[in-house]
Amino acid sequence: MNYKRFIFAIIILMIILLGIYFINGDQLFNDKDKEAQKAEGTEFIMNTFVRISIYDKDSEVVLSNTFRKLRYLENIFSKTIEESDINKLNNNAGIAAVEVNKNTYDILKESHKFAEITKGSFDPTIGPLISLWGIGTDDQKVPTENEIRQAVSKVNYKDIEFLDSNRVYLKKSGMSLDLGAIAKGYAADNIIEYYEQRDIESAYINMGGNIYVYKRKADNSLWKIGIRDPDQSRGDIIAILNLENTSVVTSGNYERYFLKDGVRYHHIINPETGYPAKNGIISSTVISHNSSYADALSTSFYILGVERSFDLVEKLKDIKIILLTEDNKAYVSEKLKAKVEFTVNGLEIIYR
């Protein structure tokens, strides 16, 4: 009797296991045959509207995870969020070192590197000047020369000290970090790393003009990325780039500015002078596979001017640029010649 029960139990167990096998087999078959779908979403993150389009078998999951990651980075990078790492560092400037998140430590190390590369035209400690001018806020104004001089004295990336255990110390009282010129690029690189790990089909990220296109479009064609025309009287787009797996970031004097006594004051502040940069450039676009590079350098090239920018490009890998100047010229990296189409007449195009 026990023997019969044993045989019966074995048969039941085999039926259960076979059932599980067929269920799992069907699931695997369905996953394999599951078609890629498009998912899109827009959220206001990092002080801009972030629009993301994903084409993948699990596009909705990937999209949700993407926005979750971006909100997480905003919460540690934003200087206006009370509990953020950056706000804690600013509040402890000249007082004590602060242990920060690894992402915060990494982005500050990256920022310091770009500051070294650009000899300070990019400087993450520019916070006192950004706050002083207040461009794009209700408190925007033209500061006095004395106010600017005092703010400039607190801006120096060399006064950031990196300690062990992810601790950072701002050496001078009154120093203030502002990652507005790199945070979106760093975030985009983090997202692309996630997409690579999941090997998704295709994606488009637009973080307020900071664009990253991952792989090709769903139809296997290249992405067409428009470069905004600073002279809006000619239309919205001055050029179109045909790209894949690339970041495109543009800095321009048309983004945030105000007029005072007939003078236009834009948001790209020169850390050395304390005033909005003015050297003939009205738009600076950087094309790179690294979005942090593209973000930080688009600001730097706007400040450096045409000649110094191209001198620096020659020393860097994976950097191509388009500089538009107020005398209606476009200075373009030679390597972009086959990838860019200019859409306006009367623009003098100079390849270098």
Protein backbone atom coordinates (compact mmCIF):
# COMPACT_ATOMS: atom_id res chain seq x y z
CA MET A 1 0.00 0.00 0.00
CA ASN A 2 2.83 2.31 0.87
CA TYR A 3 4.52 1.40 -2.40
CA LYS A 4 1.39 2.35 -4.41
CA ARG A 5 1.13 5.64 -2.57
CA PHE A 6 4.77 6.33 -3.32
CA ILE A 7 4.25 5.63 -7.05
CA PHE A 8 1.11 7.82 -7.01
CA ALA A 9 3.04 10.65 -5.35
CA ILE A 10 5.80 10.39 -7.96
CA ILE A 11 3.26 10.58 -10.79
CA ILE A 12 1.60 13.65 -9.24
CA LEU A 13 4.99 15.31 -8.77
CA MET A 14 5.90 14.64 -12.42
CA ILE A 15 2.62 16.14 -13.58
CA ILE A 16 3.25 19.25 -11.49
CA LEU A 17 6.81 19.60 -12.76
CA LEU A 18 5.70 19.09 -16.36
CA GLY A 19 3.03 21.72 -15.83
CA ILE A 20 5.61 24.16 -14.51
CA TYR A 21 7.86 23.35 -17.45
CA PHE A 22 5.13 24.05 -19.98
CA ILE A 23 4.12 27.26 -18.23
CA ASN A 24 7.70 28.49 -18.11
CA GLY A 25 8.28 27.31 -21.63
CA ASP A 26 5.29 29.30 -22.84
CA GLN A 27 6.50 32.33 -20.87
CA LEU A 28 9.96 32.11 -22.42
CA PHE A 29 8.41 31.71 -25.84
CA ASN A 30 6.18 34.73 -25.27
CA ASP A 31 9.12 36.83 -24.01
CA LYS A 32 11.15 35.86 -27.04
CA ASP A 33 8.36 36.81 -29.40
CA LYS A 34 7.35 39.91 -27.47
CA GLU A 35 7.48 42.91 -29.80
CA ALA A 36 9.26 46.13 -28.96
CA GLN A 37 6.91 48.96 -28.03
CA LYS A 38 7.32 52.71 -27.80
CA ALA A 39 6.92 54.50 -24.49
CA GLU A 40 7.16 58.26 -23.97
CA GLY A 41 7.04 60.52 -20.96
CA THR A 42 7.71 64.08 -19.80
CA GLU A 43 8.53 65.29 -16.30
CA PHE A 44 9.90 68.51 -14.82
CA ILE A 45 13.26 67.53 -13.32
CA MET A 46 16.48 69.50 -12.72
CA ASN A 47 14.69 72.78 -13.47
CA THR A 48 13.71 71.74 -16.98
CA PHE A 49 11.20 69.60 -18.84
CA VAL A 50 12.71 66.19 -19.50
CA ARG A 51 11.22 64.31 -22.44
CA ILE A 52 12.16 60.67 -23.02
CA SER A 53 11.16 58.28 -25.77
CA ILE A 54 12.06 54.58 -25.49
CA TYR A 55 11.61 51.72 -27.94
CA ASP A 56 12.01 48.32 -26.30
CA LYS A 57 10.22 45.13 -25.27
CA ASP A 58 9.96 46.49 -21.72
CA SER A 59 9.74 50.16 -22.65
CA GLU A 60 7.29 51.13 -19.87
CA VAL A 61 9.49 49.56 -17.18
CA VAL A 62 12.62 51.20 -18.59
CA LEU A 63 10.87 54.58 -18.81
CA SER A 64 9.67 54.38 -15.20
CA ASN A 65 13.13 53.41 -13.97
CA THR A 66 14.68 56.24 -15.97
CA PHE A 67 12.57 58.95 -14.34
CA ARG A 68 13.10 57.36 -10.92
CA LYS A 69 16.87 57.56 -11.42
CA LEU A 70 16.68 61.19 -12.59
CA ARG A 71 14.62 62.22 -9.55
CA TYR A 72 17.12 60.50 -7.29
CA LEU A 73 20.03 62.41 -8.85
CA GLU A 74 18.13 65.69 -8.62
CA ASN A 75 17.55 65.13 -4.91
CA ILE A 76 21.29 64.90 -4.21
CA PHE A 77 22.55 67.47 -6.77
CA SER A 78 20.08 70.36 -6.43
CA LYS A 79 21.32 73.29 -4.37
CA THR A 80 17.70 74.30 -3.61
CA ILE A 81 16.68 71.01 -1.99
CA GLU A 82 17.39 71.27 1.73
CA GLU A 83 18.60 67.69 2.25
CA SER A 84 20.70 67.49 -0.94
CA ASP A 85 24.44 66.84 -0.77
CA ILE A 86 25.17 70.09 -2.59
CA ASN A 87 23.10 72.16 -0.17
CA LYS A 88 24.82 70.50 2.79
CA LEU A 89 28.24 71.24 1.30
CA ASN A 90 27.32 74.88 0.67
CA ASN A 91 26.02 75.31 4.21
CA ASN A 92 29.26 73.88 5.60
CA ALA A 93 31.67 75.86 3.43
CA GLY A 94 34.67 76.89 5.50
CA ILE A 95 33.30 74.97 8.49
CA ALA A 96 33.53 71.20 8.01
CA ALA A 97 33.87 68.40 5.49
CA VAL A 98 30.69 66.58 4.46
CA GLU A 99 30.33 62.91 3.57
CA VAL A 100 28.38 62.73 0.32
CA ASN A 101 26.78 60.14 -1.92
CA LYS A 102 29.14 58.38 -4.34
CA ASN A 103 27.34 60.01 -7.30
CA THR A 104 27.93 63.43 -5.75
CA TYR A 105 31.57 62.65 -5.13
CA ASP A 106 31.95 61.44 -8.75
CA ILE A 107 30.28 64.47 -10.34
CA LEU A 108 32.40 66.84 -8.25
CA LYS A 109 35.56 65.00 -9.31
CA GLU A 110 34.38 65.25 -12.93
CA SER A 111 33.67 68.94 -12.48
CA HIS A 112 37.11 69.52 -11.01
CA LYS A 113 38.65 67.74 -13.99
CA PHE A 114 36.79 69.95 -16.48
CA ALA A 115 37.78 73.03 -14.51
CA GLU A 116 41.43 71.98 -14.85
CA ILE A 117 41.03 71.22 -18.57
CA THR A 118 39.42 74.60 -19.30
CA LYS A 119 41.67 76.53 -16.90
CA GLY A 120 38.66 77.68 -14.90
CA SER A 121 36.26 78.79 -17.63
CA PHE A 122 34.11 75.97 -16.27
CA ASP A 123 33.98 76.20 -12.48
CA PRO A 124 31.55 74.30 -10.22
CA THR A 125 32.08 76.86 -7.43
CA ILE A 126 30.40 79.59 -9.51
CA GLY A 127 27.41 79.55 -7.14
CA PRO A 128 28.02 82.99 -5.57
CA LEU A 129 27.93 84.66 -9.00
CA ILE A 130 24.86 82.71 -10.17
CA SER A 131 22.99 83.71 -7.02
CA LEU A 132 24.17 87.32 -7.24
CA TRP A 133 22.89 87.87 -10.78
CA GLY A 134 19.77 85.73 -10.25
CA ILE A 135 19.15 85.48 -14.00
CA GLY A 136 15.94 83.62 -14.73
CA THR A 137 14.55 84.27 -11.24
CA ASP A 138 12.40 86.99 -9.69
CA ASP A 139 15.55 88.49 -8.16
CA GLN A 140 17.56 89.08 -11.34
CA LYS A 141 19.55 92.30 -11.33
CA VAL A 142 22.75 93.98 -12.52
CA PRO A 143 25.04 93.84 -9.47
CA THR A 144 27.45 96.58 -8.50
CA GLU A 145 31.15 96.21 -9.32
CA ASN A 146 31.89 95.76 -5.63
CA GLU A 147 29.32 92.98 -5.30
CA ILE A 148 30.78 91.21 -8.33
CA ARG A 149 34.32 91.57 -7.02
CA GLN A 150 33.34 90.05 -3.67
CA ALA A 151 31.54 87.15 -5.34
CA VAL A 152 34.46 86.43 -7.70
CA SER A 153 36.77 86.16 -4.68
CA LYS A 154 34.73 83.15 -3.50
CA VAL A 155 34.89 81.32 -6.85
CA ASN A 156 37.82 78.93 -7.21
CA TYR A 157 37.57 75.22 -7.98
CA LYS A 158 41.00 74.73 -6.39
CA ASP A 159 39.36 75.36 -3.02
CA ILE A 160 37.46 72.07 -3.25
CA GLU A 161 39.23 69.43 -1.17
CA PHE A 162 38.51 65.73 -1.77
CA LEU A 163 39.03 63.53 1.26
CA ASP A 164 38.64 59.81 1.88
CA SER A 165 35.28 58.08 2.50
CA ASN A 166 33.56 60.31 -0.08
CA ARG A 167 34.08 63.39 2.05
CA VAL A 168 34.33 66.84 0.44
CA TYR A 169 35.40 70.12 2.00
CA LEU A 170 34.83 73.63 0.65
CA LYS A 171 37.74 75.58 2.11
CA LYS A 172 36.37 79.13 2.06
CA SER A 173 33.40 80.54 3.91
CA GLY A 174 30.82 81.81 1.43
CA MET A 175 31.76 79.32 -1.30
CA SER A 176 28.84 77.79 -3.14
CA LEU A 177 28.61 74.91 -5.59
CA ASP A 178 26.32 75.10 -8.61
CA LEU A 179 26.20 72.07 -10.93
CA GLY A 180 23.79 73.58 -13.46
CA ALA A 181 26.38 73.33 -16.24
CA ILE A 182 27.07 69.61 -15.82
CA ALA A 183 24.31 67.86 -13.83
CA LYS A 184 22.09 67.06 -16.82
CA GLY A 185 25.03 65.70 -18.79
CA TYR A 186 26.13 63.51 -15.88
CA ALA A 187 22.56 62.27 -15.44
CA ALA A 188 22.27 61.43 -19.14
CA ASP A 189 25.49 59.38 -18.99
CA ASN A 190 24.09 57.45 -16.01
CA ILE A 191 20.89 56.70 -17.89
CA ILE A 192 22.75 55.56 -21.00
CA GLU A 193 24.84 53.22 -18.84
CA TYR A 194 21.57 51.69 -17.60
CA TYR A 195 20.29 51.34 -21.18
CA GLU A 196 23.50 49.60 -22.20
CA GLN A 197 23.18 47.14 -19.32
CA ARG A 198 19.64 46.28 -20.43
CA ASP A 199 20.60 46.41 -24.11
CA ILE A 200 17.41 48.26 -25.01
CA GLU A 201 16.46 48.79 -28.63
CA SER A 202 16.50 52.58 -28.97
CA ALA A 203 16.02 55.77 -26.95
CA TYR A 204 15.88 59.57 -27.19
CA ILE A 205 16.56 61.80 -24.17
CA ASN A 206 15.92 65.55 -24.20
CA MET A 207 16.77 67.32 -20.95
CA GLY A 208 15.94 70.90 -21.80
CA GLY A 209 18.17 70.98 -24.88
CA ASN A 210 20.70 68.44 -23.58
CA ILE A 211 20.07 65.62 -25.99
CA TYR A 212 21.29 62.03 -26.12
CA VAL A 213 20.27 59.59 -28.85
CA TYR A 214 20.88 55.92 -28.02
CA LYS A 215 21.47 53.60 -30.98
CA ARG A 216 19.42 54.31 -34.11
CA LYS A 217 15.71 55.00 -34.44
CA ALA A 218 13.26 52.11 -34.48
CA ASP A 219 13.28 52.11 -38.29
CA ASN A 220 17.13 51.89 -38.25
CA SER A 221 17.56 55.44 -39.54
CA LEU A 222 19.79 58.05 -37.93
CA TRP A 223 18.32 60.58 -35.53
CA LYS A 224 17.94 64.13 -36.82
CA ILE A 225 18.88 66.67 -34.16
CA GLY A 226 18.12 70.33 -34.80
CA ILE A 227 20.42 73.14 -33.66
CA ARG A 228 18.38 76.14 -32.60
CA ASP A 229 18.91 79.37 -34.52
CA PRO A 230 19.78 82.20 -32.09
CA ASP A 231 18.29 84.61 -34.64
CA GLN A 232 14.63 83.63 -34.35
CA SER A 233 13.68 85.88 -37.28
CA ARG A 234 15.10 83.20 -39.63
CA GLY A 235 13.21 80.30 -38.06
CA ASP A 236 13.71 77.83 -35.25
CA ILE A 237 16.46 75.63 -36.70
CA ILE A 238 19.80 76.68 -38.17
CA ALA A 239 21.27 73.21 -38.74
CA ILE A 240 20.40 69.51 -38.57
CA LEU A 241 22.76 66.80 -37.33
CA ASN A 242 22.36 63.15 -38.38
CA LEU A 243 23.59 61.02 -35.48
CA GLU A 244 23.45 57.87 -33.37
CA ASN A 245 24.86 57.01 -29.91
CA THR A 246 25.76 60.63 -29.31
CA SER A 247 25.09 63.56 -27.00
CA VAL A 248 24.40 67.06 -28.33
CA VAL A 249 24.42 70.01 -25.92
CA THR A 250 23.99 73.68 -26.83
CA SER A 251 24.60 76.77 -24.72
CA GLY A 252 23.22 80.06 -26.03
CA ASN A 253 22.51 83.63 -24.98
CA TYR A 254 18.85 83.20 -25.94
CA GLU A 255 18.08 80.65 -23.20
CA ARG A 256 17.87 82.83 -20.06
CA TYR A 257 18.47 86.58 -20.06
CA PHE A 258 17.03 89.95 -19.17
CA LEU A 259 17.30 93.46 -20.60
CA LYS A 260 18.38 96.45 -18.58
CA ASP A 261 18.86 99.92 -20.10
CA GLY A 262 19.03 98.36 -23.55
CA VAL A 263 21.74 95.85 -22.57
CA ARG A 264 21.14 92.09 -22.75
CA TYR A 265 22.46 90.12 -19.76
CA HIS A 266 22.46 86.34 -20.30
CA HIS A 267 23.02 83.49 -17.82
CA ILE A 268 26.45 82.23 -18.98
CA ILE A 269 28.72 83.93 -16.46
CA ASN A 270 32.50 84.13 -16.89
CA PRO A 271 33.94 82.96 -13.52
CA GLU A 272 37.01 85.16 -14.02
CA THR A 273 35.26 88.49 -14.71
CA GLY A 274 31.98 87.86 -12.91
CA TYR A 275 30.00 89.20 -15.90
CA PRO A 276 28.05 87.41 -18.67
CA ALA A 277 30.54 86.14 -21.24
CA LYS A 278 31.00 88.40 -24.24
CA ASN A 279 33.40 87.43 -27.00
CA GLY A 280 31.29 87.24 -30.15
CA ILE A 281 29.83 83.77 -29.65
CA ILE A 282 26.04 83.54 -29.40
CA SER A 283 25.67 79.75 -29.49
CA SER A 284 28.02 76.89 -28.61
CA THR A 285 27.17 73.28 -29.49
CA VAL A 286 29.25 70.26 -28.46
CA ILE A 287 28.84 66.77 -29.91
CA SER A 288 30.33 63.88 -27.93
CA HIS A 289 29.59 60.32 -26.83
CA ASN A 290 30.10 61.58 -23.28
CA SER A 291 27.27 63.88 -22.22
CA SER A 292 29.16 65.23 -19.20
CA TYR A 293 31.87 66.45 -21.57
CA ALA A 294 29.30 67.95 -23.93
CA ASP A 295 27.46 69.71 -21.11
CA ALA A 296 30.48 71.20 -19.33
CA LEU A 297 32.36 72.13 -22.50
CA SER A 298 29.42 73.82 -24.24
CA THR A 299 29.50 76.39 -21.43
CA SER A 300 33.30 76.61 -21.50
CA PHE A 301 33.55 77.16 -25.25
CA TYR A 302 30.97 79.93 -25.06
CA ILE A 303 33.25 81.67 -22.57
CA LEU A 304 36.58 80.85 -24.24
CA GLY A 305 35.75 82.18 -27.72
CA VAL A 306 36.43 80.68 -31.15
CA GLU A 307 40.23 80.41 -31.24
CA ARG A 308 40.77 79.12 -27.71
CA SER A 309 37.90 76.67 -28.12
CA PHE A 310 39.35 75.07 -31.26
CA ASP A 311 42.79 74.97 -29.63
CA LEU A 312 41.25 72.95 -26.81
CA VAL A 313 39.26 70.68 -29.16
CA GLU A 314 42.52 69.63 -30.82
CA LYS A 315 43.76 68.33 -27.46
CA LEU A 316 40.59 66.39 -26.62
CA LYS A 317 39.22 63.15 -28.01
CA ASP A 318 35.63 62.64 -29.10
CA ILE A 319 34.77 66.36 -29.13
CA LYS A 320 33.24 68.17 -32.12
CA ILE A 321 31.79 71.66 -32.02
CA ILE A 322 29.63 74.21 -33.83
CA LEU A 323 30.15 77.82 -32.74
CA LEU A 324 27.79 80.50 -34.03
CA THR A 325 28.97 84.09 -33.84
CA GLU A 326 27.21 87.44 -33.87
CA ASP A 327 28.81 88.32 -37.24
CA ASN A 328 26.74 85.55 -38.90
CA LYS A 329 29.44 82.88 -39.09
CA ALA A 330 29.42 79.21 -38.14
CA TYR A 331 32.71 77.63 -37.09
CA VAL A 332 32.38 73.88 -37.46
CA SER A 333 34.62 70.88 -36.70
CA GLU A 334 35.79 69.32 -39.96
CA LYS A 335 34.70 65.87 -38.72
CA LEU A 336 31.07 67.03 -38.77
CA LYS A 337 31.06 67.88 -42.46
CA ALA A 338 29.26 64.70 -43.52
CA LYS A 339 26.82 64.81 -40.58
CA VAL A 340 25.51 68.39 -40.58
CA GLU A 341 23.08 70.19 -42.89
CA PHE A 342 22.67 73.95 -42.53
CA THR A 343 19.16 75.18 -43.23
CA VAL A 344 19.52 78.97 -43.53
CA ASN A 345 20.90 81.19 -46.28
CA GLY A 346 23.55 83.84 -45.85
CA LEU A 347 25.45 82.04 -43.08
CA GLU A 348 29.20 81.82 -43.65
CA ILE A 349 30.30 78.30 -42.75
CA ILE A 350 33.94 77.78 -41.78
CA TYR A 351 35.19 74.23 -41.27
CA ARG A 352 38.25 73.76 -39.07
